[in-house]
Amino acid sequence: MQEYPKEYIFPLEGEDHILAQVAVSPLKDKFLAEVQLVQKESRKIIKHLGSIYDAESEEEALDQGVSLLGTYLRS
């Protein structure tokens, strides 16, 4: 059995103390991705960027979460 949530961490260019995190978890028969900015050392959430519901697979949830992160970073 896989352990959830699976946390994917992405460094942010020019940010020494902040990371981007996409956390993927099962939600009923689908998957959920939560996208947030966290402190590098403590992993405390600084800003919740959004959630993706109803992804058909773990991979789709991660892809959509990364897309949401990219949209935030480009804005």
PDB file of N, CA and C in Angstrom:
ATOM      1  N   MET A   1       0.834  -1.186   0.000  1.00  0.00           N
ATOM      2  CA  MET A   1       0.000   0.000   0.000  1.00  0.00           C
ATOM      3  C   MET A   1       0.884   1.257   0.000  1.00  0.00           C
ATOM      4  N   GLN A   2       0.542   2.199  -0.843  1.00  0.00           N
ATOM      5  CA  GLN A   2       1.319   3.426  -0.947  1.00  0.00           C
ATOM      6  C   GLN A   2       0.925   4.396   0.159  1.00  0.00           C
ATOM      7  N   GLU A   3       1.887   5.180   0.612  1.00  0.00           N
ATOM      8  CA  GLU A   3       1.618   6.159   1.650  1.00  0.00           C
ATOM      9  C   GLU A   3       1.276   7.505   1.026  1.00  0.00           C
ATOM     10  N   TYR A   4       0.266   8.144   1.562  1.00  0.00           N
ATOM     11  CA  TYR A   4      -0.192   9.446   1.086  1.00  0.00           C
ATOM     12  C   TYR A   4      -0.273  10.391   2.272  1.00  0.00           C
ATOM     13  N   PRO A   5      -0.177  11.674   2.063  1.00  0.00           N
ATOM     14  CA  PRO A   5      -0.014  12.326   0.771  1.00  0.00           C
ATOM     15  C   PRO A   5       1.412  12.189   0.254  1.00  0.00           C
ATOM     16  N   LYS A   6       1.531  12.164  -1.055  1.00  0.00           N
ATOM     17  CA  LYS A   6       2.843  12.208  -1.693  1.00  0.00           C
ATOM     18  C   LYS A   6       3.166  13.677  -1.935  1.00  0.00           C
ATOM     19  N   GLU A   7       4.294  14.099  -1.411  1.00  0.00           N
ATOM     20  CA  GLU A   7       4.677  15.498  -1.532  1.00  0.00           C
ATOM     21  C   GLU A   7       5.800  15.656  -2.544  1.00  0.00           C
ATOM     22  N   TYR A   8       5.565  16.515  -3.502  1.00  0.00           N
ATOM     23  CA  TYR A   8       6.549  16.828  -4.538  1.00  0.00           C
ATOM     24  C   TYR A   8       7.014  18.256  -4.280  1.00  0.00           C
ATOM     25  N   ILE A   9       8.316  18.417  -4.134  1.00  0.00           N
ATOM     26  CA  ILE A   9       8.908  19.702  -3.776  1.00  0.00           C
ATOM     27  C   ILE A   9       9.672  20.270  -4.976  1.00  0.00           C
ATOM     28  N   PHE A  10       9.483  21.568  -5.206  1.00  0.00           N
ATOM     29  CA  PHE A  10      10.138  22.250  -6.314  1.00  0.00           C
ATOM     30  C   PHE A  10      10.829  23.508  -5.794  1.00  0.00           C
ATOM     31  N   PRO A  11      12.132  23.662  -6.052  1.00  0.00           N
ATOM     32  CA  PRO A  11      12.807  24.902  -5.657  1.00  0.00           C
ATOM     33  C   PRO A  11      12.310  26.057  -6.525  1.00  0.00           C
ATOM     34  N   LEU A  12      12.330  27.242  -5.955  1.00  0.00           N
ATOM     35  CA  LEU A  12      11.925  28.435  -6.698  1.00  0.00           C
ATOM     36  C   LEU A  12      13.146  29.293  -6.962  1.00  0.00           C
ATOM     37  N   GLU A  13      13.323  29.672  -8.200  1.00  0.00           N
ATOM     38  CA  GLU A  13      14.471  30.484  -8.586  1.00  0.00           C
ATOM     39  C   GLU A  13      14.439  31.814  -7.854  1.00  0.00           C
ATOM     40  N   GLY A  14      15.559  32.163  -7.232  1.00  0.00           N
ATOM     41  CA  GLY A  14      15.665  33.433  -6.528  1.00  0.00           C
ATOM     42  C   GLY A  14      15.071  33.431  -5.128  1.00  0.00           C
ATOM     43  N   GLU A  15      14.587  32.296  -4.669  1.00  0.00           N
ATOM     44  CA  GLU A  15      13.998  32.190  -3.329  1.00  0.00           C
ATOM     45  C   GLU A  15      14.791  31.169  -2.519  1.00  0.00           C
ATOM     46  N   ASP A  16      15.551  31.644  -1.555  1.00  0.00           N
ATOM     47  CA  ASP A  16      16.379  30.743  -0.755  1.00  0.00           C
ATOM     48  C   ASP A  16      15.618  30.057   0.367  1.00  0.00           C
ATOM     49  N   HIS A  17      14.505  30.640   0.811  1.00  0.00           N
ATOM     50  CA  HIS A  17      13.812  30.124   1.989  1.00  0.00           C
ATOM     51  C   HIS A  17      12.405  29.618   1.699  1.00  0.00           C
ATOM     52  N   ILE A  18      12.008  29.628   0.431  1.00  0.00           N
ATOM     53  CA  ILE A  18      10.654  29.212   0.061  1.00  0.00           C
ATOM     54  C   ILE A  18      10.733  28.131  -1.010  1.00  0.00           C
ATOM     55  N   LEU A  19       9.872  27.119  -0.872  1.00  0.00           N
ATOM     56  CA  LEU A  19       9.742  26.047  -1.856  1.00  0.00           C
ATOM     57  C   LEU A  19       8.294  25.974  -2.317  1.00  0.00           C
ATOM     58  N   ALA A  20       8.090  25.405  -3.485  1.00  0.00           N
ATOM     59  CA  ALA A  20       6.739  25.081  -3.938  1.00  0.00           C
ATOM     60  C   ALA A  20       6.499  23.604  -3.630  1.00  0.00           C
ATOM     61  N   GLN A  21       5.284  23.289  -3.226  1.00  0.00           N
ATOM     62  CA  GLN A  21       4.939  21.910  -2.878  1.00  0.00           C
ATOM     63  C   GLN A  21       3.615  21.536  -3.534  1.00  0.00           C
ATOM     64  N   VAL A  22       3.591  20.362  -4.144  1.00  0.00           N
ATOM     65  CA  VAL A  22       2.345  19.784  -4.648  1.00  0.00           C
ATOM     66  C   VAL A  22       2.152  18.485  -3.877  1.00  0.00           C
ATOM     67  N   ALA A  23       1.067  18.410  -3.115  1.00  0.00           N
ATOM     68  CA  ALA A  23       0.754  17.218  -2.320  1.00  0.00           C
ATOM     69  C   ALA A  23      -0.408  16.487  -2.978  1.00  0.00           C
ATOM     70  N   VAL A  24      -0.200  15.215  -3.309  1.00  0.00           N
ATOM     71  CA  VAL A  24      -1.209  14.408  -4.005  1.00  0.00           C
ATOM     72  C   VAL A  24      -1.739  13.342  -3.055  1.00  0.00           C
ATOM     73  N   SER A  25      -3.067  13.227  -2.996  1.00  0.00           N
ATOM     74  CA  SER A  25      -3.733  12.253  -2.123  1.00  0.00           C
ATOM     75  C   SER A  25      -4.931  11.660  -2.847  1.00  0.00           C
ATOM     76  N   PRO A  26      -5.305  10.420  -2.493  1.00  0.00           N
ATOM     77  CA  PRO A  26      -6.545   9.868  -3.035  1.00  0.00           C
ATOM     78  C   PRO A  26      -7.745  10.573  -2.408  1.00  0.00           C
ATOM     79  N   LEU A  27      -8.805  10.708  -3.182  1.00  0.00           N
ATOM     80  CA  LEU A  27     -10.045  11.321  -2.714  1.00  0.00           C
ATOM     81  C   LEU A  27     -11.191  10.507  -3.297  1.00  0.00           C
ATOM     82  N   LYS A  28     -11.765   9.645  -2.475  1.00  0.00           N
ATOM     83  CA  LYS A  28     -12.763   8.676  -2.931  1.00  0.00           C
ATOM     84  C   LYS A  28     -12.148   7.838  -4.047  1.00  0.00           C
ATOM     85  N   ASP A  29     -12.703   7.860  -5.236  1.00  0.00           N
ATOM     86  CA  ASP A  29     -12.147   7.070  -6.341  1.00  0.00           C
ATOM     87  C   ASP A  29     -11.329   7.921  -7.312  1.00  0.00           C
ATOM     88  N   LYS A  30     -10.981   9.145  -6.887  1.00  0.00           N
ATOM     89  CA  LYS A  30     -10.201  10.076  -7.714  1.00  0.00           C
ATOM     90  C   LYS A  30      -8.974  10.513  -6.922  1.00  0.00           C
ATOM     91  N   PHE A  31      -8.301  11.564  -7.403  1.00  0.00           N
ATOM     92  CA  PHE A  31      -7.135  12.094  -6.707  1.00  0.00           C
ATOM     93  C   PHE A  31      -7.256  13.605  -6.532  1.00  0.00           C
ATOM     94  N   LEU A  32      -6.615  14.099  -5.483  1.00  0.00           N
ATOM     95  CA  LEU A  32      -6.600  15.502  -5.114  1.00  0.00           C
ATOM     96  C   LEU A  32      -5.155  15.986  -5.122  1.00  0.00           C
ATOM     97  N   ALA A  33      -4.936  17.200  -5.607  1.00  0.00           N
ATOM     98  CA  ALA A  33      -3.614  17.829  -5.516  1.00  0.00           C
ATOM     99  C   ALA A  33      -3.780  19.177  -4.829  1.00  0.00           C
ATOM    100  N   GLU A  34      -2.974  19.419  -3.810  1.00  0.00           N
ATOM    101  CA  GLU A  34      -2.959  20.714  -3.135  1.00  0.00           C
ATOM    102  C   GLU A  34      -1.629  21.388  -3.445  1.00  0.00           C
ATOM    103  N   VAL A  35      -1.701  22.639  -3.865  1.00  0.00           N
ATOM    104  CA  VAL A  35      -0.521  23.377  -4.303  1.00  0.00           C
ATOM    105  C   VAL A  35      -0.289  24.524  -3.330  1.00  0.00           C
ATOM    106  N   GLN A  36       0.938  24.602  -2.811  1.00  0.00           N
ATOM    107  CA  GLN A  36       1.221  25.640  -1.825  1.00  0.00           C
ATOM    108  C   GLN A  36       2.688  26.054  -1.845  1.00  0.00           C
ATOM    109  N   LEU A  37       2.940  27.213  -1.268  1.00  0.00           N
ATOM    110  CA  LEU A  37       4.294  27.678  -1.016  1.00  0.00           C
ATOM    111  C   LEU A  37       4.583  27.390   0.443  1.00  0.00           C
ATOM    112  N   VAL A  38       5.771  26.837   0.728  1.00  0.00           N
ATOM    113  CA  VAL A  38       6.125  26.450   2.094  1.00  0.00           C
ATOM    114  C   VAL A  38       7.510  26.988   2.451  1.00  0.00           C
ATOM    115  N   GLN A  39       7.747  27.136   3.763  1.00  0.00           N
ATOM    116  CA  GLN A  39       9.074  27.507   4.227  1.00  0.00           C
ATOM    117  C   GLN A  39      10.008  26.328   4.022  1.00  0.00           C
ATOM    118  N   LYS A  40      11.215  26.611   3.601  1.00  0.00           N
ATOM    119  CA  LYS A  40      12.182  25.556   3.276  1.00  0.00           C
ATOM    120  C   LYS A  40      12.513  24.690   4.487  1.00  0.00           C
ATOM    121  N   GLU A  41      12.785  25.285   5.620  1.00  0.00           N
ATOM    122  CA  GLU A  41      13.227  24.524   6.790  1.00  0.00           C
ATOM    123  C   GLU A  41      12.086  23.807   7.498  1.00  0.00           C
ATOM    124  N   SER A  42      11.010  24.516   7.791  1.00  0.00           N
ATOM    125  CA  SER A  42       9.941  23.948   8.619  1.00  0.00           C
ATOM    126  C   SER A  42       8.816  23.307   7.804  1.00  0.00           C
ATOM    127  N   ARG A  43       8.758  23.612   6.515  1.00  0.00           N
ATOM    128  CA  ARG A  43       7.678  23.174   5.628  1.00  0.00           C
ATOM    129  C   ARG A  43       6.317  23.737   6.043  1.00  0.00           C
ATOM    130  N   LYS A  44       6.338  24.803   6.833  1.00  0.00           N
ATOM    131  CA  LYS A  44       5.108  25.494   7.205  1.00  0.00           C
ATOM    132  C   LYS A  44       4.540  26.166   5.959  1.00  0.00           C
ATOM    133  N   ILE A  45       3.224  26.064   5.804  1.00  0.00           N
ATOM    134  CA  ILE A  45       2.566  26.644   4.634  1.00  0.00           C
ATOM    135  C   ILE A  45       2.557  28.169   4.751  1.00  0.00           C
ATOM    136  N   ILE A  46       3.079  28.803   3.719  1.00  0.00           N
ATOM    137  CA  ILE A  46       3.083  30.262   3.637  1.00  0.00           C
ATOM    138  C   ILE A  46       1.841  30.735   2.892  1.00  0.00           C
ATOM    139  N   LYS A  47       1.547  30.059   1.777  1.00  0.00           N
ATOM    140  CA  LYS A  47       0.391  30.445   0.961  1.00  0.00           C
ATOM    141  C   LYS A  47      -0.161  29.218   0.246  1.00  0.00           C
ATOM    142  N   HIS A  48      -1.458  29.010   0.381  1.00  0.00           N
ATOM    143  CA  HIS A  48      -2.139  27.938  -0.350  1.00  0.00           C
ATOM    144  C   HIS A  48      -2.557  28.512  -1.698  1.00  0.00           C
ATOM    145  N   LEU A  49      -2.070  27.905  -2.780  1.00  0.00           N
ATOM    146  CA  LEU A  49      -2.336  28.437  -4.115  1.00  0.00           C
ATOM    147  C   LEU A  49      -3.598  27.867  -4.744  1.00  0.00           C
ATOM    148  N   GLY A  50      -4.006  26.680  -4.295  1.00  0.00           N
ATOM    149  CA  GLY A  50      -5.221  26.095  -4.838  1.00  0.00           C
ATOM    150  C   GLY A  50      -5.217  24.590  -4.733  1.00  0.00           C
ATOM    151  N   SER A  51      -6.367  24.012  -5.076  1.00  0.00           N
ATOM    152  CA  SER A  51      -6.531  22.561  -5.037  1.00  0.00           C
ATOM    153  C   SER A  51      -7.108  22.079  -6.355  1.00  0.00           C
ATOM    154  N   ILE A  52      -6.713  20.886  -6.737  1.00  0.00           N
ATOM    155  CA  ILE A  52      -7.234  20.221  -7.925  1.00  0.00           C
ATOM    156  C   ILE A  52      -8.032  19.019  -7.431  1.00  0.00           C
ATOM    157  N   TYR A  53      -9.293  18.953  -7.796  1.00  0.00           N
ATOM    158  CA  TYR A  53     -10.148  17.832  -7.418  1.00  0.00           C
ATOM    159  C   TYR A  53     -10.485  17.023  -8.668  1.00  0.00           C
ATOM    160  N   ASP A  54     -10.888  15.804  -8.467  1.00  0.00           N
ATOM    161  CA  ASP A  54     -11.416  14.954  -9.554  1.00  0.00           C
ATOM    162  C   ASP A  54     -10.414  14.544 -10.605  1.00  0.00           C
ATOM    163  N   ALA A  55      -9.136  14.499 -10.275  1.00  0.00           N
ATOM    164  CA  ALA A  55      -8.158  13.965 -11.227  1.00  0.00           C
ATOM    165  C   ALA A  55      -8.342  12.451 -11.296  1.00  0.00           C
ATOM    166  N   GLU A  56      -8.240  11.893 -12.469  1.00  0.00           N
ATOM    167  CA  GLU A  56      -8.479  10.468 -12.674  1.00  0.00           C
ATOM    168  C   GLU A  56      -7.347   9.591 -12.158  1.00  0.00           C
ATOM    169  N   SER A  57      -6.133  10.155 -12.080  1.00  0.00           N
ATOM    170  CA  SER A  57      -4.982   9.366 -11.642  1.00  0.00           C
ATOM    171  C   SER A  57      -4.045  10.251 -10.828  1.00  0.00           C
ATOM    172  N   GLU A  58      -3.127   9.614 -10.144  1.00  0.00           N
ATOM    173  CA  GLU A  58      -2.118  10.344  -9.382  1.00  0.00           C
ATOM    174  C   GLU A  58      -1.293  11.224 -10.312  1.00  0.00           C
ATOM    175  N   GLU A  59      -0.931  10.695 -11.468  1.00  0.00           N
ATOM    176  CA  GLU A  59      -0.130  11.444 -12.440  1.00  0.00           C
ATOM    177  C   GLU A  59      -0.882  12.661 -12.953  1.00  0.00           C
ATOM    178  N   GLU A  60      -2.175  12.506 -13.223  1.00  0.00           N
ATOM    179  CA  GLU A  60      -2.978  13.632 -13.698  1.00  0.00           C
ATOM    180  C   GLU A  60      -3.082  14.704 -12.619  1.00  0.00           C
ATOM    181  N   ALA A  61      -3.249  14.302 -11.374  1.00  0.00           N
ATOM    182  CA  ALA A  61      -3.312  15.262 -10.268  1.00  0.00           C
ATOM    183  C   ALA A  61      -2.011  16.048 -10.173  1.00  0.00           C
ATOM    184  N   LEU A  62      -0.885  15.347 -10.274  1.00  0.00           N
ATOM    185  CA  LEU A  62       0.420  16.011 -10.219  1.00  0.00           C
ATOM    186  C   LEU A  62       0.585  16.960 -11.401  1.00  0.00           C
ATOM    187  N   ASP A  63       0.252  16.521 -12.597  1.00  0.00           N
ATOM    188  CA  ASP A  63       0.369  17.377 -13.789  1.00  0.00           C
ATOM    189  C   ASP A  63      -0.468  18.643 -13.647  1.00  0.00           C
ATOM    190  N   GLN A  64      -1.700  18.493 -13.187  1.00  0.00           N
ATOM    191  CA  GLN A  64      -2.576  19.654 -13.034  1.00  0.00           C
ATOM    192  C   GLN A  64      -2.085  20.571 -11.916  1.00  0.00           C
ATOM    193  N   GLY A  65      -1.539  19.989 -10.849  1.00  0.00           N
ATOM    194  CA  GLY A  65      -0.975  20.783  -9.768  1.00  0.00           C
ATOM    195  C   GLY A  65       0.223  21.600 -10.232  1.00  0.00           C
ATOM    196  N   VAL A  66       1.101  20.981 -11.002  1.00  0.00           N
ATOM    197  CA  VAL A  66       2.268  21.685 -11.536  1.00  0.00           C
ATOM    198  C   VAL A  66       1.820  22.789 -12.501  1.00  0.00           C
ATOM    199  N   SER A  67       0.791  22.520 -13.270  1.00  0.00           N
ATOM    200  CA  SER A  67       0.254  23.536 -14.180  1.00  0.00           C
ATOM    201  C   SER A  67      -0.287  24.733 -13.403  1.00  0.00           C
ATOM    202  N   LEU A  68      -0.999  24.472 -12.320  1.00  0.00           N
ATOM    203  CA  LEU A  68      -1.518  25.544 -11.472  1.00  0.00           C
ATOM    204  C   LEU A  68      -0.374  26.358 -10.875  1.00  0.00           C
ATOM    205  N   LEU A  69       0.667  25.682 -10.439  1.00  0.00           N
ATOM    206  CA  LEU A  69       1.856  26.345  -9.902  1.00  0.00           C
ATOM    207  C   LEU A  69       2.492  27.239 -10.970  1.00  0.00           C
ATOM    208  N   GLY A  70       2.643  26.714 -12.177  1.00  0.00           N
ATOM    209  CA  GLY A  70       3.223  27.492 -13.274  1.00  0.00           C
ATOM    210  C   GLY A  70       2.414  28.738 -13.582  1.00  0.00           C
ATOM    211  N   THR A  71       1.098  28.603 -13.560  1.00  0.00           N
ATOM    212  CA  THR A  71       0.225  29.754 -13.795  1.00  0.00           C
ATOM    213  C   THR A  71       0.437  30.821 -12.725  1.00  0.00           C
ATOM    214  N   TYR A  72       0.553  30.386 -11.467  1.00  0.00           N
ATOM    215  CA  TYR A  72       0.797  31.328 -10.372  1.00  0.00           C
ATOM    216  C   TYR A  72       2.150  32.018 -10.545  1.00  0.00           C
ATOM    217  N   LEU A  73       3.179  31.276 -10.868  1.00  0.00           N
ATOM    218  CA  LEU A  73       4.522  31.838 -10.980  1.00  0.00           C
ATOM    219  C   LEU A  73       4.636  32.808 -12.160  1.00  0.00           C
ATOM    220  N   ARG A  74       3.866  32.601 -13.205  1.00  0.00           N
ATOM    221  CA  ARG A  74       3.913  33.488 -14.376  1.00  0.00           C
ATOM    222  C   ARG A  74       3.083  34.767 -14.177  1.00  0.00           C
ATOM    223  N   SER A  75       2.232  34.766 -13.158  1.00  0.00           N
ATOM    224  CA  SER A  75       1.347  35.947 -12.967  1.00  0.00           C
ATOM    225  C   SER A  75       2.031  37.063 -12.205  1.00  0.00           C
TER     226      SER A  75
END
